[in-house]
Amino acid sequence: MNALQDLHYRNHFSRLGSHFFSYVQPDAFTRPHLVHTNDCGAALIGLDSAAFTSPAFLEYFSGRRNLPGCKPLAMVYAGHQFGVYNPQLGDGRGLLLGEVEGPGGLWDIHLKGAGQTPYSRNGDGRAVLRSSIREYLGSEALAGLGIPTTRALALIGGDEPVYRESVETGAMLVRLARSHVRFGSFEYFHYRHDYDAVKQLADYVIDRQFTDSHHAAAGHRDKYWQLLHAAVTNTAHLIAQWQAVGFCHGVMNTDNMSILGETFDFGPFAFMDDFEPGYICNHSDYQGRYAFEHQPGIGLWNLTALGHSLSSLLDTDAIKDALSHYEPTLTASYAELMRAKLGLATAQADDKVLCVELLDLLARQRVDYTRFFRALSHTDPTRPEAALLDLFDDREATGPWLQRYGQRLLCEEVPPAERQRRMLATNPKYILRNYLAQEAITAAAQGDFSHIDTLLRLLRHPFDEQPQMDNYARPPPHWGKHMPISCSS
């Protein structure tokens, strides 16, 4: 592990040229303070967590000083926002500080909430503590579940007021990502007919992210088809994981979609409590475009927009061919994940019907999604326990499905104890429920950051029992259900 001054910073993105970004110096907080630091994030870039205690760490990551070798820049991009193309977006409050090679590979270090940039569009360039805590915890919660995501290194607080719906406290999030290139990055140059820049950006992503083995796996296709194909299949796997765990992104605009197929730009996200296919976690999404059940379809819509933005590099047939892999990949991935949640080691013809019937039952009965699968992991369907049945308003409604499920398990050769072990390693006991995040936010506003630390440690091991933390697995209080989460951050 390295000390802060020993990290080797690179600036590959800046070599693309000034039309891809603007150099911007961070607007530092007057009196910054550490809210929280993440030793798991530090390990990804090979940073000794002892660096968190150094005064230099706070100086560098609050924008007061530049990291040695770093050239802070704001990236430009465009995007379809709620289906409408916006030709000029960009990092309005975030700066790419540089890239670091660590044990976890090459990572961007990004400072979110660092002040105004040329792309702020009359915004103040700040982030608020509320949304920064949510992203900090949300990214680590997904990582704990094994879902591809950006990560977090640290959360910095400041005394400056930030004006949103009300006056809030400002914060800066130090974000780690394997890339900050978005679908909208390609759209920006495509719609400006700057096809040389499209090619330049595509080559940058391929050279940085694709290995020789990845090229070989894609067969004889050219590298730009491989780029689109990788975005298609990675995004399909990602959204299958979101659906299986009950995660809602909230704002799946093309500027919020990572070219690598990782969860990116946390806004009004939520993990579902009661299973509700039409659940809308973003109270600004008036038409429900990004409702939970629409996420798979929106994924394909966004990828189609990406494919169009690569049409200067690929012909129509090649784009259609790459996109054709989305639906079968997502369907197969989701089916595999749901079989695992049900403890089914083999695939049978009627498994889809069994799953659909279960989800219909959970929706009708408004059953807590996470608690149901955790309770099912402990249950013999021929003798269902109260912990499972008590989740239903109508206990009798569970009978027919549990009977079919029990019959299906007879086709499995896995011993019940092993099936239970596998299900407990697949169905989390703990998720970042909205009310838990809100309790941490409320405490942090009073200067108490202990809730953030507790949740971070809990969510690193969401499948473990952690009996001393059982209260974090309870159903949300009435006030904690359907909390309105906005885009304002």
Protein backbone atom coordinates (compact mmCIF):
# COMPACT_ATOMS: atom_id res chain seq x y z
CA MET A 1 0.00 0.00 0.00
CA ASN A 2 1.18 3.51 -0.82
CA ALA A 3 1.28 6.78 1.05
CA LEU A 4 -0.63 9.64 -0.52
CA GLN A 5 2.43 11.19 -2.13
CA ASP A 6 3.51 7.85 -3.62
CA LEU A 7 0.41 7.28 -5.74
CA HIS A 8 1.16 7.56 -9.45
CA TYR A 9 -1.36 9.86 -11.11
CA ARG A 10 -2.01 9.84 -14.83
CA ASN A 11 -3.99 12.14 -17.10
CA HIS A 12 -4.89 9.95 -20.05
CA PHE A 13 -8.21 11.66 -20.70
CA SER A 14 -6.63 15.10 -20.97
CA ARG A 15 -4.54 13.85 -23.89
CA LEU A 16 -7.68 13.66 -26.03
CA GLY A 17 -7.67 17.43 -26.47
CA SER A 18 -9.39 20.49 -25.10
CA HIS A 19 -12.67 19.97 -27.00
CA PHE A 20 -13.34 16.99 -24.69
CA PHE A 21 -13.12 19.01 -21.47
CA SER A 22 -12.25 22.28 -19.75
CA TYR A 23 -9.51 22.68 -17.17
CA VAL A 24 -11.06 23.95 -13.94
CA GLN A 25 -9.62 24.52 -10.49
CA PRO A 26 -11.81 23.28 -7.62
CA ASP A 27 -13.61 25.90 -5.56
CA ALA A 28 -12.41 24.85 -2.12
CA PHE A 29 -14.43 24.93 1.08
CA THR A 30 -13.35 27.56 3.57
CA ARG A 31 -13.35 25.19 6.54
CA PRO A 32 -13.50 21.63 5.22
CA HIS A 33 -13.80 18.61 7.48
CA LEU A 34 -13.85 14.85 6.98
CA VAL A 35 -17.31 13.35 7.23
CA HIS A 36 -16.19 9.80 6.46
CA THR A 37 -13.45 7.84 4.73
CA ASN A 38 -13.65 4.42 3.10
CA ASP A 39 -10.76 2.03 3.60
CA CYS A 40 -12.21 -0.34 0.97
CA GLY A 41 -12.07 2.47 -1.57
CA ALA A 42 -8.51 3.22 -0.54
CA ALA A 43 -7.53 -0.41 -1.12
CA LEU A 44 -8.77 -0.22 -4.73
CA ILE A 45 -6.20 2.43 -5.60
CA GLY A 46 -3.44 1.04 -3.37
CA LEU A 47 -3.68 3.85 -0.82
CA ASP A 48 -2.69 3.16 2.77
CA SER A 49 -5.75 4.07 4.85
CA ALA A 50 -3.38 5.79 7.29
CA ALA A 51 -3.33 8.58 4.70
CA PHE A 52 -6.82 9.58 5.84
CA THR A 53 -5.33 11.02 9.03
CA SER A 54 -2.86 13.20 7.16
CA PRO A 55 -3.75 16.92 6.92
CA ALA A 56 -2.66 16.71 3.28
CA PHE A 57 -5.54 14.33 2.49
CA LEU A 58 -8.13 16.90 3.48
CA GLU A 59 -6.22 19.63 1.66
CA TYR A 60 -6.10 17.65 -1.59
CA PHE A 61 -9.65 16.34 -1.59
CA SER A 62 -11.40 19.49 -0.47
CA GLY A 63 -9.95 21.34 -3.45
CA ARG A 64 -7.48 23.46 -1.53
CA ARG A 65 -4.44 21.97 -3.26
CA ASN A 66 -3.91 19.96 -6.42
CA LEU A 67 -2.71 16.42 -6.06
CA PRO A 68 0.84 16.12 -7.44
CA GLY A 69 0.62 15.38 -11.14
CA CYS A 70 -3.14 15.96 -11.40
CA LYS A 71 -4.83 18.36 -13.80
CA PRO A 72 -8.47 18.84 -12.68
CA LEU A 73 -10.87 18.96 -15.61
CA ALA A 74 -14.60 19.02 -16.29
CA MET A 75 -15.71 16.60 -19.00
CA VAL A 76 -18.21 17.63 -21.66
CA TYR A 77 -21.08 15.40 -22.77
CA ALA A 78 -24.70 15.52 -23.89
CA GLY A 79 -27.61 13.19 -23.21
CA HIS A 80 -31.23 12.22 -23.57
CA GLN A 81 -32.96 13.40 -20.39
CA PHE A 82 -36.36 11.74 -19.88
CA GLY A 83 -36.26 10.91 -23.59
CA VAL A 84 -35.49 14.44 -24.80
CA TYR A 85 -32.07 15.24 -26.24
CA ASN A 86 -30.08 17.95 -24.48
CA PRO A 87 -27.08 18.90 -26.63
CA GLN A 88 -24.99 20.55 -23.93
CA LEU A 89 -24.48 18.99 -20.52
CA GLY A 90 -21.11 18.16 -18.97
CA ASP A 91 -19.63 18.09 -15.49
CA GLY A 92 -21.50 20.97 -13.95
CA ARG A 93 -20.22 20.31 -10.43
CA GLY A 94 -17.63 17.57 -10.75
CA LEU A 95 -13.99 17.40 -11.73
CA LEU A 96 -11.84 14.52 -12.90
CA LEU A 97 -8.69 14.91 -10.81
CA GLY A 98 -6.71 12.16 -12.48
CA GLU A 99 -6.30 8.42 -12.87
CA VAL A 100 -4.51 6.05 -10.50
CA GLU A 101 -3.27 2.51 -11.08
CA GLY A 102 -3.93 0.30 -8.07
CA PRO A 103 -4.47 -3.35 -7.17
CA GLY A 104 -8.03 -2.93 -8.39
CA GLY A 105 -6.91 -1.67 -11.80
CA LEU A 106 -6.99 1.85 -13.24
CA TRP A 107 -9.42 4.17 -11.46
CA ASP A 108 -10.58 7.71 -12.08
CA ILE A 109 -10.53 9.96 -9.03
CA HIS A 110 -13.39 12.43 -9.30
CA LEU A 111 -14.38 15.27 -6.99
CA LYS A 112 -18.13 15.84 -6.98
CA GLY A 113 -19.41 19.18 -5.67
CA ALA A 114 -16.22 21.06 -6.47
CA GLY A 115 -17.84 24.29 -7.68
CA GLN A 116 -18.85 25.90 -10.94
CA THR A 117 -17.54 24.82 -14.33
CA PRO A 118 -18.29 26.02 -17.87
CA TYR A 119 -21.03 23.36 -17.91
CA SER A 120 -22.85 24.38 -14.72
CA ARG A 121 -25.75 25.94 -16.64
CA ASN A 122 -26.39 28.65 -14.03
CA GLY A 123 -25.98 26.12 -11.21
CA ASP A 124 -23.75 26.71 -8.20
CA GLY A 125 -21.57 23.67 -8.87
CA ARG A 126 -22.08 22.39 -5.35
CA ALA A 127 -23.39 19.13 -3.94
CA VAL A 128 -25.35 18.90 -0.71
CA LEU A 129 -24.53 16.66 2.21
CA ARG A 130 -27.87 14.86 1.88
CA SER A 131 -27.33 13.55 -1.66
CA SER A 132 -23.61 13.00 -1.10
CA ILE A 133 -24.34 10.68 1.83
CA ARG A 134 -26.86 8.79 -0.29
CA GLU A 135 -24.36 8.24 -3.11
CA TYR A 136 -21.57 7.38 -0.68
CA LEU A 137 -23.68 4.70 0.99
CA GLY A 138 -25.53 3.61 -2.14
CA SER A 139 -22.42 2.83 -4.16
CA GLU A 140 -20.90 0.82 -1.33
CA ALA A 141 -24.21 -0.99 -0.72
CA LEU A 142 -24.28 -2.16 -4.35
CA ALA A 143 -20.63 -3.16 -4.17
CA GLY A 144 -21.44 -5.29 -1.12
CA LEU A 145 -24.15 -7.02 -3.15
CA GLY A 146 -21.68 -7.74 -5.96
CA ILE A 147 -23.31 -5.32 -8.42
CA PRO A 148 -21.00 -3.27 -10.69
CA THR A 149 -20.87 0.33 -9.52
CA THR A 150 -18.75 3.39 -9.01
CA ARG A 151 -17.15 3.51 -5.58
CA ALA A 152 -16.39 6.13 -2.93
CA LEU A 153 -13.14 7.13 -1.27
CA ALA A 154 -14.21 9.89 1.08
CA LEU A 155 -16.90 12.38 1.98
CA ILE A 156 -15.87 15.96 2.76
CA GLY A 157 -18.11 18.46 4.52
CA GLY A 158 -18.06 22.25 4.48
CA ASP A 159 -19.76 25.13 6.24
CA GLU A 160 -20.97 26.89 3.10
CA PRO A 161 -24.77 26.99 2.69
CA VAL A 162 -26.19 25.50 -0.50
CA TYR A 163 -29.62 26.53 -1.73
CA ARG A 164 -31.98 23.86 -3.05
CA GLU A 165 -35.63 23.50 -2.01
CA SER A 166 -34.28 24.77 1.30
CA VAL A 167 -30.91 25.85 2.66
CA GLU A 168 -28.64 22.82 3.05
CA THR A 169 -25.05 22.03 3.95
CA GLY A 170 -22.51 21.58 1.18
CA ALA A 171 -20.32 18.51 0.70
CA MET A 172 -17.83 16.99 -1.71
CA LEU A 173 -17.78 13.33 -2.64
CA VAL A 174 -14.51 11.75 -3.74
CA ARG A 175 -15.72 9.21 -6.27
CA LEU A 176 -13.80 6.35 -7.85
CA ALA A 177 -14.82 4.93 -11.22
CA ARG A 178 -13.20 2.71 -13.80
CA SER A 179 -14.36 5.30 -16.33
CA HIS A 180 -16.43 8.48 -16.39
CA VAL A 181 -17.25 8.12 -20.09
CA ARG A 182 -21.00 7.95 -20.61
CA PHE A 183 -23.34 7.10 -23.47
CA GLY A 184 -23.91 10.86 -23.66
CA SER A 185 -20.20 11.46 -24.19
CA PHE A 186 -20.51 9.85 -27.63
CA GLU A 187 -23.82 11.56 -28.33
CA TYR A 188 -22.27 14.99 -27.79
CA PHE A 189 -19.79 14.56 -30.63
CA HIS A 190 -22.06 12.53 -32.92
CA TYR A 191 -24.79 15.18 -33.01
CA ARG A 192 -22.16 17.84 -33.66
CA HIS A 193 -20.99 15.77 -36.64
CA ASP A 194 -17.52 15.59 -35.11
CA TYR A 195 -16.95 12.00 -36.16
CA ASP A 196 -13.20 12.19 -35.65
CA ALA A 197 -13.88 12.90 -31.96
CA VAL A 198 -16.31 9.95 -31.78
CA LYS A 199 -13.54 7.71 -33.08
CA GLN A 200 -10.97 9.27 -30.76
CA LEU A 201 -13.19 8.72 -27.72
CA ALA A 202 -13.99 5.15 -28.75
CA ASP A 203 -10.29 4.39 -29.17
CA TYR A 204 -9.60 5.88 -25.72
CA VAL A 205 -12.18 3.61 -24.07
CA ILE A 206 -10.98 0.54 -25.97
CA ASP A 207 -7.30 1.15 -25.24
CA ARG A 208 -7.91 1.80 -21.57
CA GLN A 209 -10.51 -0.84 -20.76
CA PHE A 210 -10.33 -3.74 -23.21
CA THR A 211 -7.80 -6.52 -22.80
CA ASP A 212 -6.50 -8.83 -25.49
CA SER A 213 -8.57 -11.65 -24.02
CA HIS A 214 -11.72 -9.56 -24.40
CA HIS A 215 -10.91 -8.95 -28.05
CA ALA A 216 -10.34 -12.65 -28.60
CA ALA A 217 -13.62 -13.55 -26.91
CA ALA A 218 -15.51 -11.29 -29.31
CA GLY A 219 -14.17 -13.20 -32.31
CA HIS A 220 -13.46 -11.62 -35.68
CA ARG A 221 -15.53 -8.46 -35.22
CA ASP A 222 -13.81 -5.09 -35.39
CA LYS A 223 -13.05 -3.19 -32.22
CA TYR A 224 -15.91 -0.72 -32.48
CA TRP A 225 -18.43 -3.55 -32.69
CA GLN A 226 -16.72 -5.04 -29.65
CA LEU A 227 -17.11 -1.73 -27.80
CA LEU A 228 -20.84 -1.56 -28.49
CA HIS A 229 -21.32 -5.27 -27.84
CA ALA A 230 -19.55 -4.96 -24.48
CA ALA A 231 -21.75 -1.99 -23.53
CA VAL A 232 -24.84 -3.98 -24.54
CA THR A 233 -24.01 -7.16 -22.64
CA ASN A 234 -22.58 -5.41 -19.57
CA THR A 235 -25.64 -3.17 -19.32
CA ALA A 236 -27.94 -6.17 -19.73
CA HIS A 237 -26.21 -8.03 -16.89
CA LEU A 238 -26.29 -4.89 -14.74
CA ILE A 239 -30.00 -4.26 -15.14
CA ALA A 240 -30.76 -7.94 -14.54
CA GLN A 241 -28.96 -7.57 -11.21
CA TRP A 242 -30.89 -4.39 -10.40
CA GLN A 243 -34.19 -6.16 -11.07
CA ALA A 244 -33.25 -9.24 -9.08
CA VAL A 245 -32.27 -7.27 -5.98
CA GLY A 246 -35.09 -4.70 -6.27
CA PHE A 247 -32.92 -1.65 -7.03
CA CYS A 248 -34.36 1.42 -8.75
CA HIS A 249 -31.94 3.88 -10.33
CA GLY A 250 -34.44 6.70 -10.74
CA VAL A 251 -32.84 8.73 -13.55
CA MET A 252 -31.67 6.49 -16.39
CA ASN A 253 -30.83 9.35 -18.75
CA THR A 254 -28.15 8.52 -21.31
CA ASP A 255 -25.74 10.89 -19.56
CA ASN A 256 -26.12 8.72 -16.45
CA MET A 257 -25.22 5.47 -18.23
CA SER A 258 -21.63 4.26 -17.97
CA ILE A 259 -20.01 2.97 -21.15
CA LEU A 260 -18.72 0.09 -19.00
CA GLY A 261 -22.15 -0.99 -17.78
CA GLU A 262 -21.71 0.03 -14.15
CA THR A 263 -24.15 1.77 -11.82
CA PHE A 264 -23.38 5.43 -12.29
CA ASP A 265 -24.55 8.87 -11.08
CA PHE A 266 -26.69 8.08 -8.07
CA GLY A 267 -29.64 10.42 -7.82
CA PRO A 268 -33.05 9.55 -6.40
CA PHE A 269 -32.29 5.82 -6.22
CA ALA A 270 -34.06 3.37 -3.92
CA PHE A 271 -34.14 -0.26 -2.90
CA MET A 272 -37.77 -1.35 -2.94
CA ASP A 273 -39.48 -2.18 0.32
CA ASP A 274 -42.81 -3.78 -0.65
CA PHE A 275 -42.67 -5.36 -4.09
CA GLU A 276 -44.33 -2.98 -6.54
CA PRO A 277 -43.54 -3.40 -10.25
CA GLY A 278 -44.64 0.15 -11.05
CA TYR A 279 -42.65 1.72 -8.23
CA ILE A 280 -41.31 5.21 -9.06
CA CYS A 281 -38.55 6.32 -6.72
CA ASN A 282 -38.01 9.76 -8.27
CA HIS A 283 -40.83 12.15 -7.41
CA SER A 284 -39.80 14.29 -10.40
CA ASP A 285 -40.56 11.40 -12.78
CA TYR A 286 -44.17 12.44 -13.34
CA GLN A 287 -44.83 10.01 -16.19
CA GLY A 288 -43.08 7.04 -14.61
CA ARG A 289 -40.55 6.70 -17.41
CA TYR A 290 -38.00 5.21 -15.03
CA ALA A 291 -40.35 3.08 -12.94
CA PHE A 292 -38.86 -0.19 -11.68
CA GLU A 293 -40.59 -2.37 -14.28
CA HIS A 294 -39.47 -0.06 -17.11
CA GLN A 295 -35.74 -0.27 -16.37
CA PRO A 296 -35.02 -3.21 -18.73
CA GLY A 297 -36.77 -1.48 -21.63
CA ILE A 298 -35.07 1.85 -20.92
CA GLY A 299 -31.73 0.06 -20.93
CA LEU A 300 -32.33 -1.01 -24.53
CA TRP A 301 -33.63 2.47 -25.47
CA ASN A 302 -30.43 4.02 -24.14
CA LEU A 303 -28.22 1.46 -25.86
CA THR A 304 -30.02 2.16 -29.13
CA ALA A 305 -29.16 5.85 -28.65
CA LEU A 306 -25.54 4.83 -28.04
CA GLY A 307 -25.57 2.66 -31.15
CA HIS A 308 -26.84 5.58 -33.20
CA SER A 309 -24.04 7.78 -31.84
CA LEU A 310 -21.53 5.18 -33.12
CA SER A 311 -23.05 5.05 -36.61
CA SER A 312 -20.02 6.85 -38.06
CA LEU A 313 -17.94 3.84 -37.02
CA LEU A 314 -20.39 1.00 -37.63
CA ASP A 315 -22.95 0.27 -40.32
CA THR A 316 -26.61 -0.28 -39.50
CA ASP A 317 -26.42 -4.07 -39.66
CA ALA A 318 -23.49 -4.18 -37.24
CA ILE A 319 -25.30 -1.91 -34.78
CA LYS A 320 -28.49 -4.00 -34.98
CA ASP A 321 -26.43 -7.16 -34.50
CA ALA A 322 -24.77 -5.81 -31.34
CA LEU A 323 -28.09 -4.57 -29.95
CA SER A 324 -29.74 -7.92 -30.66
CA HIS A 325 -27.70 -9.45 -27.84
CA TYR A 326 -29.36 -7.27 -25.19
CA GLU A 327 -32.67 -9.00 -24.64
CA PRO A 328 -31.43 -12.62 -24.60
CA THR A 329 -28.52 -11.64 -22.34
CA LEU A 330 -30.76 -9.81 -19.87
CA THR A 331 -33.39 -12.56 -19.91
CA ALA A 332 -30.87 -15.34 -19.33
CA SER A 333 -29.04 -13.38 -16.63
CA TYR A 334 -32.25 -12.49 -14.79
CA ALA A 335 -33.53 -16.06 -14.99
CA GLU A 336 -30.27 -17.36 -13.54
CA LEU A 337 -30.35 -14.82 -10.71
CA MET A 338 -33.97 -15.60 -9.83
CA ARG A 339 -33.31 -19.34 -9.86
CA ALA A 340 -30.48 -18.69 -7.40
CA LYS A 341 -32.80 -16.64 -5.19
CA LEU A 342 -35.21 -19.59 -5.19
CA GLY A 343 -32.45 -22.11 -4.50
CA LEU A 344 -32.78 -23.83 -7.87
CA ALA A 345 -29.49 -25.21 -9.15
CA THR A 346 -30.92 -26.52 -12.42
CA ALA A 347 -33.10 -24.93 -15.07
CA GLN A 348 -36.55 -26.37 -15.77
CA ALA A 349 -39.11 -25.38 -18.40
CA ASP A 350 -41.68 -24.10 -15.89
CA ASP A 351 -39.30 -21.99 -13.79
CA LYS A 352 -40.37 -18.78 -15.48
CA VAL A 353 -44.02 -19.47 -14.64
CA LEU A 354 -43.09 -20.25 -11.04
CA CYS A 355 -41.20 -16.95 -10.78
CA VAL A 356 -43.92 -14.87 -12.45
CA GLU A 357 -46.58 -16.36 -10.18
CA LEU A 358 -44.48 -15.54 -7.14
CA LEU A 359 -43.90 -11.93 -8.19
CA ASP A 360 -47.61 -11.52 -8.90
CA LEU A 361 -48.36 -12.85 -5.42
CA LEU A 362 -45.84 -10.52 -3.78
CA ALA A 363 -47.26 -7.55 -5.68
CA ARG A 364 -50.89 -8.33 -4.81
CA GLN A 365 -50.06 -8.82 -1.15
CA ARG A 366 -47.61 -5.87 -1.01
CA VAL A 367 -44.96 -8.10 0.56
CA ASP A 368 -41.52 -6.80 1.49
CA TYR A 369 -39.29 -8.09 -1.32
CA THR A 370 -36.01 -8.47 0.57
CA ARG A 371 -37.55 -9.89 3.74
CA PHE A 372 -39.55 -12.46 1.76
CA PHE A 373 -36.56 -13.98 0.00
CA ARG A 374 -34.52 -13.98 3.19
CA ALA A 375 -37.33 -15.76 5.05
CA LEU A 376 -37.77 -18.20 2.16
CA SER A 377 -34.07 -19.06 2.47
CA HIS A 378 -34.74 -20.37 5.97
CA THR A 379 -38.00 -22.17 5.14
CA ASP A 380 -38.99 -25.70 4.27
CA PRO A 381 -41.93 -25.03 1.91
CA THR A 382 -43.76 -28.10 3.23
CA ARG A 383 -43.67 -26.57 6.73
CA PRO A 384 -43.51 -22.80 6.19
CA GLU A 385 -42.48 -20.83 9.23
CA ALA A 386 -44.37 -17.92 10.75
CA ALA A 387 -41.54 -15.57 9.77
CA LEU A 388 -42.49 -16.18 6.14
CA LEU A 389 -46.27 -16.39 6.46
CA ASP A 390 -46.50 -13.28 8.63
CA LEU A 391 -45.25 -11.22 5.69
CA PHE A 392 -48.61 -11.78 3.96
CA ASP A 393 -51.92 -10.16 4.85
CA ASP A 394 -53.61 -13.30 3.55
CA ARG A 395 -51.63 -16.29 4.75
CA GLU A 396 -53.82 -18.72 2.81
CA ALA A 397 -52.88 -17.06 -0.48
CA THR A 398 -49.37 -18.46 -0.15
CA GLY A 399 -50.48 -22.09 -0.05
CA PRO A 400 -50.83 -22.90 -3.77
CA TRP A 401 -47.52 -21.28 -4.68
CA LEU A 402 -45.59 -22.87 -1.82
CA GLN A 403 -46.98 -26.25 -2.86
CA ARG A 404 -45.76 -25.77 -6.44
CA TYR A 405 -42.42 -24.55 -5.14
CA GLY A 406 -42.06 -27.59 -2.92
CA GLN A 407 -42.79 -29.87 -5.86
CA ARG A 408 -40.20 -28.05 -7.94
CA LEU A 409 -37.55 -28.57 -5.25
CA LEU A 410 -38.07 -32.32 -5.56
CA CYS A 411 -36.38 -32.06 -8.97
CA GLU A 412 -33.21 -30.80 -7.31
CA GLU A 413 -30.42 -33.05 -6.11
CA VAL A 414 -28.92 -30.43 -3.79
CA PRO A 415 -29.42 -31.33 -0.09
CA PRO A 416 -31.71 -28.91 1.80
CA ALA A 417 -28.86 -27.65 4.00
CA GLU A 418 -26.75 -26.81 0.97
CA ARG A 419 -29.71 -25.16 -0.75
CA GLN A 420 -30.24 -23.00 2.32
CA ARG A 421 -26.57 -22.05 2.42
CA ARG A 422 -26.65 -20.98 -1.22
CA MET A 423 -29.87 -19.01 -0.80
CA LEU A 424 -28.56 -17.16 2.25
CA ALA A 425 -25.49 -16.20 0.20
CA THR A 426 -27.76 -14.87 -2.56
CA ASN A 427 -30.65 -13.20 -0.71
CA PRO A 428 -29.39 -10.29 1.41
CA LYS A 429 -30.60 -9.70 4.93
CA TYR A 430 -29.63 -6.03 4.78
CA ILE A 431 -30.21 -3.40 2.10
CA LEU A 432 -29.89 0.37 2.17
CA ARG A 433 -33.52 1.22 2.78
CA ASN A 434 -34.50 4.82 2.25
CA TYR A 435 -35.40 5.35 5.87
CA LEU A 436 -31.98 4.12 7.02
CA ALA A 437 -30.25 6.54 4.68
CA GLN A 438 -32.53 9.34 5.91
CA GLU A 439 -31.71 8.60 9.55
CA ALA A 440 -28.00 8.87 8.71
CA ILE A 441 -28.64 12.14 6.87
CA THR A 442 -30.63 13.61 9.76
CA ALA A 443 -27.92 12.70 12.25
CA ALA A 444 -25.16 14.05 9.99
CA ALA A 445 -26.93 17.39 9.73
CA GLN A 446 -26.45 17.61 13.51
CA GLY A 447 -22.79 16.69 13.24
CA ASP A 448 -23.21 13.00 14.14
CA PHE A 449 -21.57 10.86 11.46
CA SER A 450 -21.68 7.58 13.40
CA HIS A 451 -24.75 6.34 11.50
CA ILE A 452 -22.82 6.58 8.23
CA ASP A 453 -20.03 4.46 9.68
CA THR A 454 -22.46 1.87 11.04
CA LEU A 455 -24.32 1.53 7.76
CA LEU A 456 -21.13 1.33 5.71
CA ARG A 457 -19.82 -1.53 7.84
CA LEU A 458 -23.19 -3.29 7.81
CA LEU A 459 -23.69 -3.07 4.05
CA ARG A 460 -20.26 -4.48 3.25
CA HIS A 461 -21.60 -7.86 4.44
CA PRO A 462 -25.31 -7.82 3.51
CA PHE A 463 -25.65 -11.61 3.42
CA ASP A 464 -24.24 -12.24 6.91
CA GLU A 465 -26.60 -12.63 9.85
CA GLN A 466 -24.92 -10.00 12.07
CA PRO A 467 -27.42 -10.66 14.91
CA GLN A 468 -26.36 -7.53 16.80
CA MET A 469 -27.65 -5.55 13.80
CA ASP A 470 -31.06 -7.22 13.47
CA ASN A 471 -32.91 -3.94 13.89
CA TYR A 472 -31.50 -2.82 10.51
CA ALA A 473 -33.31 -5.73 8.83
CA ARG A 474 -36.73 -4.83 10.19
CA PRO A 475 -39.45 -3.44 7.90
CA PRO A 476 -39.46 0.32 7.48
CA PRO A 477 -41.67 2.43 9.72
CA HIS A 478 -44.75 3.93 8.11
CA TRP A 479 -42.99 7.25 7.49
CA GLY A 480 -40.12 5.43 5.81
CA LYS A 481 -42.17 3.90 3.00
CA HIS A 482 -42.47 5.73 -0.33
CA MET A 483 -40.30 8.60 0.80
CA PRO A 484 -40.17 11.32 -1.91
CA ILE A 485 -36.64 11.50 -3.34
CA SER A 486 -35.86 14.30 -5.77
CA CYS A 487 -33.17 14.97 -8.36
CA SER A 488 -31.97 18.05 -6.48
CA SER A 489 -28.48 17.43 -5.22
